[in-house]
C-alpha atoms as a PDB file:
ATOM      1  CA  MET A   1      -8.520 -14.727  18.062  1.00  0.00           C
ATOM      2  CA  THR A   2      -5.466 -13.568  20.072  1.00  0.00           C
ATOM      3  CA  ALA A   3      -4.320 -17.059  20.878  1.00  0.00           C
ATOM      4  CA  GLU A   4      -4.022 -18.081  17.337  1.00  0.00           C
ATOM      5  CA  PRO A   5      -1.435 -16.925  14.785  1.00  0.00           C
ATOM      6  CA  ILE A   6      -2.095 -13.976  12.447  1.00  0.00           C
ATOM      7  CA  VAL A   7      -0.417 -14.518   9.077  1.00  0.00           C
ATOM      8  CA  VAL A   8       1.132 -11.406   7.387  1.00  0.00           C
ATOM      9  CA  VAL A   9       1.860 -12.065   3.721  1.00  0.00           C
ATOM     10  CA  GLY A  10       4.391  -9.599   2.406  1.00  0.00           C
ATOM     11  CA  ALA A  11       5.791  -9.052   5.869  1.00  0.00           C
ATOM     12  CA  THR A  12       8.908  -7.307   4.567  1.00  0.00           C
ATOM     13  CA  GLY A  13       7.115  -4.602   2.635  1.00  0.00           C
ATOM     14  CA  LYS A  14       6.294  -0.972   3.684  1.00  0.00           C
ATOM     15  CA  VAL A  15       2.992  -1.996   5.286  1.00  0.00           C
ATOM     16  CA  GLY A  16       3.663  -5.544   6.167  1.00  0.00           C
ATOM     17  CA  ARG A  17       6.613  -4.955   8.300  1.00  0.00           C
ATOM     18  CA  ARG A  18       4.761  -2.234  10.249  1.00  0.00           C
ATOM     19  CA  ILE A  19       1.879  -4.550  10.832  1.00  0.00           C
ATOM     20  CA  THR A  20       4.176  -7.284  12.023  1.00  0.00           C
ATOM     21  CA  THR A  21       5.843  -4.872  14.554  1.00  0.00           C
ATOM     22  CA  ARG A  22       2.481  -3.667  15.912  1.00  0.00           C
ATOM     23  CA  LEU A  23       0.972  -7.165  16.344  1.00  0.00           C
ATOM     24  CA  ARG A  24       4.090  -8.259  18.276  1.00  0.00           C
ATOM     25  CA  GLU A  25       3.895  -5.086  20.378  1.00  0.00           C
ATOM     26  CA  ARG A  26       0.383  -6.238  21.390  1.00  0.00           C
ATOM     27  CA  GLY A  27       1.768  -9.641  22.427  1.00  0.00           C
ATOM     28  CA  LEU A  28       0.107 -11.484  19.594  1.00  0.00           C
ATOM     29  CA  ASP A  29       1.366 -14.489  17.766  1.00  0.00           C
ATOM     30  CA  VAL A  30       2.498 -13.243  14.332  1.00  0.00           C
ATOM     31  CA  ARG A  31       3.494 -15.470  11.422  1.00  0.00           C
ATOM     32  CA  PRO A  32       5.398 -13.330   8.825  1.00  0.00           C
ATOM     33  CA  ALA A  33       5.126 -15.187   5.495  1.00  0.00           C
ATOM     34  CA  SER A  34       7.406 -14.512   2.512  1.00  0.00           C
ATOM     35  CA  ARG A  35       9.444 -16.372  -0.004  1.00  0.00           C
ATOM     36  CA  ARG A  36      12.601 -16.245   2.080  1.00  0.00           C
ATOM     37  CA  GLY A  37      11.207 -15.914   5.670  1.00  0.00           C
ATOM     38  CA  PRO A  38      10.788 -18.498   8.397  1.00  0.00           C
ATOM     39  CA  THR A  39       7.341 -19.088   7.118  1.00  0.00           C
ATOM     40  CA  ARG A  40       7.786 -19.799   3.430  1.00  0.00           C
ATOM     41  CA  PHE A  41       5.024 -18.365   1.234  1.00  0.00           C
ATOM     42  CA  ASP A  42       5.128 -18.111  -2.584  1.00  0.00           C
ATOM     43  CA  TRP A  43       2.083 -17.100  -4.614  1.00  0.00           C
ATOM     44  CA  TYR A  44       3.444 -19.269  -7.446  1.00  0.00           C
ATOM     45  CA  ASP A  45       3.832 -22.323  -5.229  1.00  0.00           C
ATOM     46  CA  PRO A  46       0.433 -23.271  -3.797  1.00  0.00           C
ATOM     47  CA  ALA A  47       2.091 -26.072  -1.763  1.00  0.00           C
ATOM     48  CA  THR A  48       3.307 -23.306   0.582  1.00  0.00           C
ATOM     49  CA  TRP A  49      -0.117 -21.904   1.301  1.00  0.00           C
ATOM     50  CA  ALA A  50      -1.639 -24.471   3.630  1.00  0.00           C
ATOM     51  CA  PRO A  51       1.417 -24.728   6.004  1.00  0.00           C
ATOM     52  CA  ALA A  52       1.488 -20.896   6.162  1.00  0.00           C
ATOM     53  CA  VAL A  53      -2.174 -20.577   7.256  1.00  0.00           C
ATOM     54  CA  SER A  54      -2.747 -23.768   9.190  1.00  0.00           C
ATOM     55  CA  GLY A  55      -4.076 -22.945  12.680  1.00  0.00           C
ATOM     56  CA  ALA A  56      -4.201 -19.197  11.939  1.00  0.00           C
ATOM     57  CA  SER A  57      -7.219 -16.980  12.730  1.00  0.00           C
ATOM     58  CA  ALA A  58      -6.575 -14.243  10.193  1.00  0.00           C
ATOM     59  CA  ALA A  59      -4.303 -13.217   7.292  1.00  0.00           C
ATOM     60  CA  PHE A  60      -3.239  -9.929   5.797  1.00  0.00           C
ATOM     61  CA  LEU A  61      -2.829  -9.980   1.976  1.00  0.00           C
ATOM     62  CA  ILE A  62      -1.760  -7.540  -0.726  1.00  0.00           C
ATOM     63  CA  ASP A  63      -3.223  -7.138  -4.169  1.00  0.00           C
ATOM     64  CA  SER A  64      -0.400  -7.050  -6.625  1.00  0.00           C
ATOM     65  CA  GLN A  65      -2.752  -6.201  -9.504  1.00  0.00           C
ATOM     66  CA  GLY A  66      -0.815  -8.809 -11.530  1.00  0.00           C
ATOM     67  CA  ALA A  67      -2.652 -10.724 -14.220  1.00  0.00           C
ATOM     68  CA  ASP A  68      -2.560 -13.825 -11.980  1.00  0.00           C
ATOM     69  CA  ALA A  69      -3.633 -12.038  -8.758  1.00  0.00           C
ATOM     70  CA  PRO A  70      -7.398 -12.678  -8.752  1.00  0.00           C
ATOM     71  CA  ALA A  71      -7.073 -16.342  -9.471  1.00  0.00           C
ATOM     72  CA  GLN A  72      -4.345 -16.719  -6.854  1.00  0.00           C
ATOM     73  CA  LEU A  73      -6.386 -14.851  -4.219  1.00  0.00           C
ATOM     74  CA  ARG A  74      -9.482 -16.912  -5.038  1.00  0.00           C
ATOM     75  CA  ALA A  75      -7.563 -20.176  -4.667  1.00  0.00           C
ATOM     76  CA  PHE A  76      -5.810 -19.017  -1.555  1.00  0.00           C
ATOM     77  CA  GLY A  77      -9.083 -17.942   0.012  1.00  0.00           C
ATOM     78  CA  GLU A  78     -10.449 -21.444  -0.453  1.00  0.00           C
ATOM     79  CA  VAL A  79      -7.292 -22.925   1.193  1.00  0.00           C
ATOM     80  CA  ALA A  80      -7.414 -20.498   4.055  1.00  0.00           C
ATOM     81  CA  SER A  81     -11.012 -21.040   4.774  1.00  0.00           C
ATOM     82  CA  ALA A  82     -10.528 -24.802   4.634  1.00  0.00           C
ATOM     83  CA  HIS A  83      -7.778 -24.475   7.194  1.00  0.00           C
ATOM     84  CA  GLY A  84      -9.846 -22.401   9.693  1.00  0.00           C
ATOM     85  CA  VAL A  85      -8.847 -18.856   8.779  1.00  0.00           C
ATOM     86  CA  ARG A  86     -11.813 -16.765   9.719  1.00  0.00           C
ATOM     87  CA  ARG A  87     -10.650 -13.258   8.634  1.00  0.00           C
ATOM     88  CA  LEU A  88      -8.945 -11.966   5.491  1.00  0.00           C
ATOM     89  CA  VAL A  89      -7.770  -8.335   5.228  1.00  0.00           C
ATOM     90  CA  LEU A  90      -6.808  -7.216   1.698  1.00  0.00           C
ATOM     91  CA  LEU A  91      -4.679  -4.236   0.914  1.00  0.00           C
ATOM     92  CA  SER A  92      -5.998  -2.918  -2.413  1.00  0.00           C
ATOM     93  CA  SER A  93      -5.915   0.656  -3.696  1.00  0.00           C
ATOM     94  CA  ARG A  94      -8.287   3.537  -3.961  1.00  0.00           C
ATOM     95  CA  ASP A  95      -6.962   4.095  -7.516  1.00  0.00           C
ATOM     96  CA  TRP A  96      -8.438   0.874  -8.742  1.00  0.00           C
ATOM     97  CA  ALA A  97     -11.893   1.683  -7.445  1.00  0.00           C
ATOM     98  CA  THR A  98     -11.823   5.343  -8.486  1.00  0.00           C
ATOM     99  CA  SER A  99     -10.303   5.149 -11.839  1.00  0.00           C
ATOM    100  CA  GLY A 100      -9.491   1.539 -12.777  1.00  0.00           C
ATOM    101  CA  GLY A 101     -13.023   0.349 -13.398  1.00  0.00           C
ATOM    102  CA  GLU A 102     -14.819  -2.865 -12.380  1.00  0.00           C
ATOM    103  CA  GLU A 103     -12.164  -5.099 -13.974  1.00  0.00           C
ATOM    104  CA  SER A 104      -9.535  -3.742 -11.579  1.00  0.00           C
ATOM    105  CA  LEU A 105     -11.523  -5.049  -8.555  1.00  0.00           C
ATOM    106  CA  ALA A 106     -11.355  -8.696  -9.509  1.00  0.00           C
ATOM    107  CA  SER A 107      -8.850  -9.296  -6.624  1.00  0.00           C
ATOM    108  CA  GLU A 108     -11.307  -7.791  -4.152  1.00  0.00           C
ATOM    109  CA  ARG A 109     -14.141  -9.913  -5.405  1.00  0.00           C
ATOM    110  CA  ALA A 110     -12.014 -12.989  -5.039  1.00  0.00           C
ATOM    111  CA  VAL A 111     -11.388 -12.246  -1.319  1.00  0.00           C
ATOM    112  CA  GLN A 112     -15.037 -11.266  -0.741  1.00  0.00           C
ATOM    113  CA  GLU A 113     -16.119 -14.639  -2.074  1.00  0.00           C
ATOM    114  CA  SER A 114     -13.646 -16.658  -0.124  1.00  0.00           C
ATOM    115  CA  GLY A 115     -15.991 -17.799   2.647  1.00  0.00           C
ATOM    116  CA  ALA A 116     -14.029 -16.077   5.263  1.00  0.00           C
ATOM    117  CA  GLY A 117     -14.855 -12.770   6.874  1.00  0.00           C
ATOM    118  CA  TRP A 118     -13.190 -10.060   4.795  1.00  0.00           C
ATOM    119  CA  THR A 119     -12.153  -6.426   5.063  1.00  0.00           C
ATOM    120  CA  ILE A 120     -10.830  -4.355   2.070  1.00  0.00           C
ATOM    121  CA  LEU A 121      -8.405  -1.495   2.608  1.00  0.00           C
ATOM    122  CA  ARG A 122      -8.061   1.037  -0.333  1.00  0.00           C
ATOM    123  CA  PRO A 123      -5.320   3.501   0.467  1.00  0.00           C
ATOM    124  CA  THR A 124      -4.190   6.441  -1.720  1.00  0.00           C
ATOM    125  CA  TRP A 125      -0.515   6.959  -2.575  1.00  0.00           C
ATOM    126  CA  PHE A 126       1.867   6.360   0.324  1.00  0.00           C
ATOM    127  CA  GLY A 127       3.871   9.267   1.705  1.00  0.00           C
ATOM    128  CA  GLN A 128       6.608   6.706   2.330  1.00  0.00           C
ATOM    129  CA  ASN A 129       6.967   6.301  -1.453  1.00  0.00           C
ATOM    130  CA  PHE A 130       9.293   9.338  -1.258  1.00  0.00           C
ATOM    131  CA  SER A 131      11.642   7.573   1.147  1.00  0.00           C
ATOM    132  CA  GLU A 132      11.180   3.807   0.677  1.00  0.00           C
ATOM    133  CA  ASP A 133      10.352   3.333  -3.010  1.00  0.00           C
ATOM    134  CA  PRO A 134      13.166   3.853  -5.565  1.00  0.00           C
ATOM    135  CA  LEU A 135      10.712   5.214  -8.118  1.00  0.00           C
ATOM    136  CA  LEU A 136      10.576   8.439  -5.981  1.00  0.00           C
ATOM    137  CA  SER A 137      13.311   8.052  -3.348  1.00  0.00           C
ATOM    138  CA  ASP A 138      16.129   7.851  -5.975  1.00  0.00           C
ATOM    139  CA  PRO A 139      15.060  11.062  -7.712  1.00  0.00           C
ATOM    140  CA  ILE A 140      14.783  12.798  -4.289  1.00  0.00           C
ATOM    141  CA  MET A 141      18.323  11.802  -3.479  1.00  0.00           C
ATOM    142  CA  ALA A 142      19.517  12.885  -6.933  1.00  0.00           C
ATOM    143  CA  GLY A 143      17.874  16.320  -6.414  1.00  0.00           C
ATOM    144  CA  GLU A 144      15.496  16.288  -9.291  1.00  0.00           C
ATOM    145  CA  VAL A 145      12.030  14.661  -9.441  1.00  0.00           C
ATOM    146  CA  VAL A 146      10.623  14.275 -12.953  1.00  0.00           C
ATOM    147  CA  LEU A 147       6.903  13.394 -13.092  1.00  0.00           C
ATOM    148  CA  PRO A 148       3.987  13.729 -15.463  1.00  0.00           C
ATOM    149  CA  THR A 149       1.533  14.696 -12.703  1.00  0.00           C
ATOM    150  CA  GLY A 150       1.209  18.309 -13.624  1.00  0.00           C
ATOM    151  CA  ASP A 151      -0.814  20.287 -11.054  1.00  0.00           C
ATOM    152  CA  GLY A 152      -2.874  17.252 -10.051  1.00  0.00           C
ATOM    153  CA  VAL A 153      -3.251  16.723  -6.263  1.00  0.00           C
ATOM    154  CA  GLU A 154      -3.142  13.629  -4.085  1.00  0.00           C
ATOM    155  CA  PRO A 155      -4.104  13.085  -0.402  1.00  0.00           C
ATOM    156  CA  PHE A 156      -0.943  11.103   0.506  1.00  0.00           C
ATOM    157  CA  ILE A 157      -1.552   8.480   3.248  1.00  0.00           C
ATOM    158  CA  ASP A 158       1.040   7.650   5.900  1.00  0.00           C
ATOM    159  CA  ALA A 159       1.979   4.000   5.910  1.00  0.00           C
ATOM    160  CA  GLU A 160       1.890   4.165   9.659  1.00  0.00           C
ATOM    161  CA  ASP A 161      -1.843   4.878   9.457  1.00  0.00           C
ATOM    162  CA  ILE A 162      -2.422   2.014   7.030  1.00  0.00           C
ATOM    163  CA  ALA A 163      -0.687  -0.327   9.419  1.00  0.00           C
ATOM    164  CA  ASP A 164      -2.773   0.928  12.398  1.00  0.00           C
ATOM    165  CA  VAL A 165      -5.895   0.387  10.420  1.00  0.00           C
ATOM    166  CA  ALA A 166      -4.838  -3.069   9.174  1.00  0.00           C
ATOM    167  CA  VAL A 167      -4.063  -4.169  12.759  1.00  0.00           C
ATOM    168  CA  ALA A 168      -7.457  -3.003  14.012  1.00  0.00           C
ATOM    169  CA  THR A 169      -9.234  -4.826  11.241  1.00  0.00           C
ATOM    170  CA  LEU A 170      -7.256  -8.001  11.824  1.00  0.00           C
ATOM    171  CA  VAL A 171      -7.835  -8.270  15.629  1.00  0.00           C
ATOM    172  CA  GLU A 172     -10.937  -6.188  16.540  1.00  0.00           C
ATOM    173  CA  PRO A 173     -14.548  -6.901  16.058  1.00  0.00           C
ATOM    174  CA  GLY A 174     -16.878  -4.857  13.815  1.00  0.00           C
ATOM    175  CA  HIS A 175     -14.883  -4.730  10.536  1.00  0.00           C
ATOM    176  CA  ALA A 176     -16.312  -7.724   8.663  1.00  0.00           C
ATOM    177  CA  GLU A 177     -17.568  -7.005   5.152  1.00  0.00           C
ATOM    178  CA  GLN A 178     -16.345  -3.445   5.294  1.00  0.00           C
ATOM    179  CA  ILE A 179     -14.375  -1.448   2.609  1.00  0.00           C
ATOM    180  CA  TYR A 180     -12.330   1.318   3.972  1.00  0.00           C
ATOM    181  CA  GLU A 181     -10.835   3.991   1.669  1.00  0.00           C
ATOM    182  CA  LEU A 182      -7.827   5.576   3.402  1.00  0.00           C
ATOM    183  CA  SER A 183      -6.349   8.949   2.667  1.00  0.00           C
ATOM    184  CA  GLY A 184      -4.325  11.713   4.277  1.00  0.00           C
ATOM    185  CA  PRO A 185      -6.093  14.865   5.639  1.00  0.00           C
ATOM    186  CA  ARG A 186      -5.331  17.227   2.837  1.00  0.00           C
ATOM    187  CA  LEU A 187      -4.626  17.461  -0.870  1.00  0.00           C
ATOM    188  CA  LEU A 188      -1.271  18.492  -2.221  1.00  0.00           C
ATOM    189  CA  SER A 189       0.609  18.265  -5.503  1.00  0.00           C
ATOM    190  CA  PHE A 190       3.739  16.320  -6.074  1.00  0.00           C
ATOM    191  CA  GLY A 191       5.521  19.649  -6.568  1.00  0.00           C
ATOM    192  CA  THR A 192       4.323  20.745  -3.126  1.00  0.00           C
ATOM    193  CA  ALA A 193       5.388  17.483  -1.605  1.00  0.00           C
ATOM    194  CA  VAL A 194       8.847  17.736  -3.075  1.00  0.00           C
ATOM    195  CA  ALA A 195       9.143  21.318  -1.887  1.00  0.00           C
ATOM    196  CA  GLU A 196       8.261  20.188   1.713  1.00  0.00           C
ATOM    197  CA  ILE A 197      10.848  17.504   1.581  1.00  0.00           C
ATOM    198  CA  ALA A 198      13.454  19.989   0.284  1.00  0.00           C
ATOM    199  CA  ARG A 199      12.710  22.376   3.121  1.00  0.00           C
ATOM    200  CA  ALA A 200      12.743  19.745   5.887  1.00  0.00           C
ATOM    201  CA  SER A 201      15.998  18.199   4.607  1.00  0.00           C
ATOM    202  CA  GLY A 202      17.760  21.493   3.950  1.00  0.00           C
ATOM    203  CA  ARG A 203      18.488  20.482   0.272  1.00  0.00           C
ATOM    204  CA  ASP A 204      17.815  21.859  -3.172  1.00  0.00           C
ATOM    205  CA  ILE A 205      15.385  19.360  -4.815  1.00  0.00           C
ATOM    206  CA  ALA A 206      13.642  20.389  -8.027  1.00  0.00           C
ATOM    207  CA  TYR A 207      10.331  19.235  -9.278  1.00  0.00           C
ATOM    208  CA  LEU A 208      10.127  19.000 -13.135  1.00  0.00           C
ATOM    209  CA  PRO A 209       6.669  18.428 -14.605  1.00  0.00           C
ATOM    210  CA  VAL A 210       6.806  16.664 -18.016  1.00  0.00           C
ATOM    211  CA  SER A 211       4.448  15.142 -20.524  1.00  0.00           C
ATOM    212  CA  PRO A 212       3.719  11.432 -20.508  1.00  0.00           C
ATOM    213  CA  ASP A 213       5.877  10.922 -23.572  1.00  0.00           C
ATOM    214  CA  GLU A 214       8.731  12.788 -21.914  1.00  0.00           C
ATOM    215  CA  TYR A 215       8.284  10.695 -18.775  1.00  0.00           C
ATOM    216  CA  ALA A 216       8.437   7.490 -20.769  1.00  0.00           C
ATOM    217  CA  ALA A 217      11.631   8.565 -22.340  1.00  0.00           C
ATOM    218  CA  HIS A 218      12.989   9.579 -18.882  1.00  0.00           C
ATOM    219  CA  LEU A 219      12.182   6.137 -17.550  1.00  0.00           C
ATOM    220  CA  ALA A 220      13.735   4.439 -20.519  1.00  0.00           C
ATOM    221  CA  GLY A 221      16.936   6.249 -19.602  1.00  0.00           C
ATOM    222  CA  ARG A 222      16.649   4.601 -16.168  1.00  0.00           C
ATOM    223  CA  GLY A 223      16.238   1.238 -17.721  1.00  0.00           C
ATOM    224  CA  GLU A 224      12.474   0.974 -17.370  1.00  0.00           C
ATOM    225  CA  GLU A 225      10.337   0.044 -20.303  1.00  0.00           C
ATOM    226  CA  GLY A 226       7.224  -1.843 -21.498  1.00  0.00           C
ATOM    227  CA  GLU A 227       4.099  -2.470 -19.451  1.00  0.00           C
ATOM    228  CA  HIS A 228       5.589  -0.938 -16.256  1.00  0.00           C
ATOM    229  CA  VAL A 229       6.064   2.447 -17.966  1.00  0.00           C
ATOM    230  CA  GLU A 230       2.525   2.284 -19.364  1.00  0.00           C
ATOM    231  CA  LEU A 231       1.209   1.488 -15.873  1.00  0.00           C
ATOM    232  CA  LEU A 232       3.031   4.430 -14.255  1.00  0.00           C
ATOM    233  CA  ASN A 233       1.880   6.825 -16.963  1.00  0.00           C
ATOM    234  CA  THR A 234      -1.708   5.625 -16.360  1.00  0.00           C
ATOM    235  CA  LEU A 235      -1.400   6.099 -12.562  1.00  0.00           C
ATOM    236  CA  PHE A 236       0.171   9.496 -12.844  1.00  0.00           C
ATOM    237  CA  GLY A 237      -2.346  10.437 -15.534  1.00  0.00           C
ATOM    238  CA  TRP A 238      -5.194   9.823 -13.083  1.00  0.00           C
ATOM    239  CA  ILE A 239      -3.612  12.234 -10.612  1.00  0.00           C
ATOM    240  CA  ARG A 240      -2.898  14.851 -13.352  1.00  0.00           C
ATOM    241  CA  ASP A 241      -6.448  14.621 -14.490  1.00  0.00           C
ATOM    242  CA  GLY A 242      -7.849  15.074 -11.011  1.00  0.00           C
ATOM    243  CA  HIS A 243      -9.289  11.645 -10.342  1.00  0.00           C
ATOM    244  CA  ASN A 244      -7.735  11.489  -6.874  1.00  0.00           C
ATOM    245  CA  ALA A 245      -8.559  15.075  -5.757  1.00  0.00           C
ATOM    246  CA  HIS A 246     -10.757  14.092  -2.817  1.00  0.00           C
ATOM    247  CA  LEU A 247     -10.352  12.872   0.764  1.00  0.00           C
ATOM    248  CA  SER A 248     -11.610   9.652   2.317  1.00  0.00           C
ATOM    249  CA  ASP A 249     -12.720   8.994   5.894  1.00  0.00           C
ATOM    250  CA  GLY A 250     -11.535   5.430   6.396  1.00  0.00           C
ATOM    251  CA  VAL A 251      -8.828   6.246   9.006  1.00  0.00           C
ATOM    252  CA  ARG A 252     -11.366   8.174  11.094  1.00  0.00           C
ATOM    253  CA  ARG A 253     -13.988   5.352  10.812  1.00  0.00           C
ATOM    254  CA  VAL A 254     -11.590   2.634  11.972  1.00  0.00           C
ATOM    255  CA  LEU A 255      -9.334   4.512  14.477  1.00  0.00           C
ATOM    256  CA  GLY A 256     -11.608   7.338  15.677  1.00  0.00           C
ATOM    257  CA  ARG A 257      -8.925   9.926  14.866  1.00  0.00           C
ATOM    258  CA  GLU A 258      -7.653  12.034  12.022  1.00  0.00           C
ATOM    259  CA  PRO A 259      -4.957  10.706   9.702  1.00  0.00           C
ATOM    260  CA  ARG A 260      -1.418  11.898  10.073  1.00  0.00           C
ATOM    261  CA  ASP A 261      -0.471  14.872   7.918  1.00  0.00           C
ATOM    262  CA  PHE A 262       2.094  14.696   5.254  1.00  0.00           C
ATOM    263  CA  THR A 263       4.223  17.312   6.997  1.00  0.00           C
ATOM    264  CA  ASP A 264       4.488  15.119  10.113  1.00  0.00           C
ATOM    265  CA  TYR A 265       5.835  12.299   7.902  1.00  0.00           C
ATOM    266  CA  VAL A 266       8.303  14.592   6.226  1.00  0.00           C
ATOM    267  CA  ARG A 267       9.610  16.031   9.502  1.00  0.00           C
ATOM    268  CA  ALA A 268      10.175  12.625  10.997  1.00  0.00           C
ATOM    269  CA  THR A 269      11.704  11.158   7.904  1.00  0.00           C
ATOM    270  CA  ALA A 270      14.140  14.129   7.398  1.00  0.00           C
ATOM    271  CA  ALA A 271      15.182  13.840  11.085  1.00  0.00           C
ATOM    272  CA  SER A 272      16.074  10.177  10.486  1.00  0.00           C
ATOM    273  CA  GLY A 273      18.639  11.239   7.882  1.00  0.00           C
ATOM    274  CA  VAL A 274      17.073   9.212   5.123  1.00  0.00           C
ATOM    275  CA  TRP A 275      17.242  12.108   2.725  1.00  0.00           C
ATOM    276  CA  THR A 276      20.745  13.201   3.697  1.00  0.00           C
ATOM    277  CA  PRO A 277      23.362  12.386   0.977  1.00  0.00           C
END
């Protein structure tokens, strides 16, 4: 497999860019694919799919959970298999399997039925959402994080671990037809997470728990509305209600080591100056 390109769809995202870096560090031929990259790839332009995967051995994909995602992934899997791709690794989410129900796993089924060897990765919430996603990073910088998560706890996973697992499943044997649920090593609330970030960055950052209705109003004040607000309230509601209050062993199964702790992520990120106004 190492002599053939590995396609990374979504190579500019939190996980995709880390995967791309790791594959290059291994001396492998990486083909980053995106709408504006050297290898053009657009889910809504199927004419870009075959050129992106032609001659490749494997491809990394992300489930957007959009209404079109299952059909797009199914069609893409057929194209990829027809062009010789032998392995597909899909980044899904533990939330969908734990709380979303069978209908939320349609994208996973599409990849599983592609005809290529497949691996499904189901991570929990990323620690990096606090530093790389405006939903949480903007409030961190503003000094007040408003969320409807109550006292619910989450085993935040480090995106570095997700990338390590993804690379292993893309290039190493033994991961075909496997589903790996990926979590960090301990449970902590969003309030505790915010407090750790405040201590490490030397700043006053408040965590303000609110009701779902109050959160919707808060998001409306930030210009968010409609289905996106409903989705966020659903996801945070699952945390508030304890759906995510358990650990998973996927990192250990794939890498043979424990996942990175949230505190390690916070210390490294604070030292980088990302949270310094």
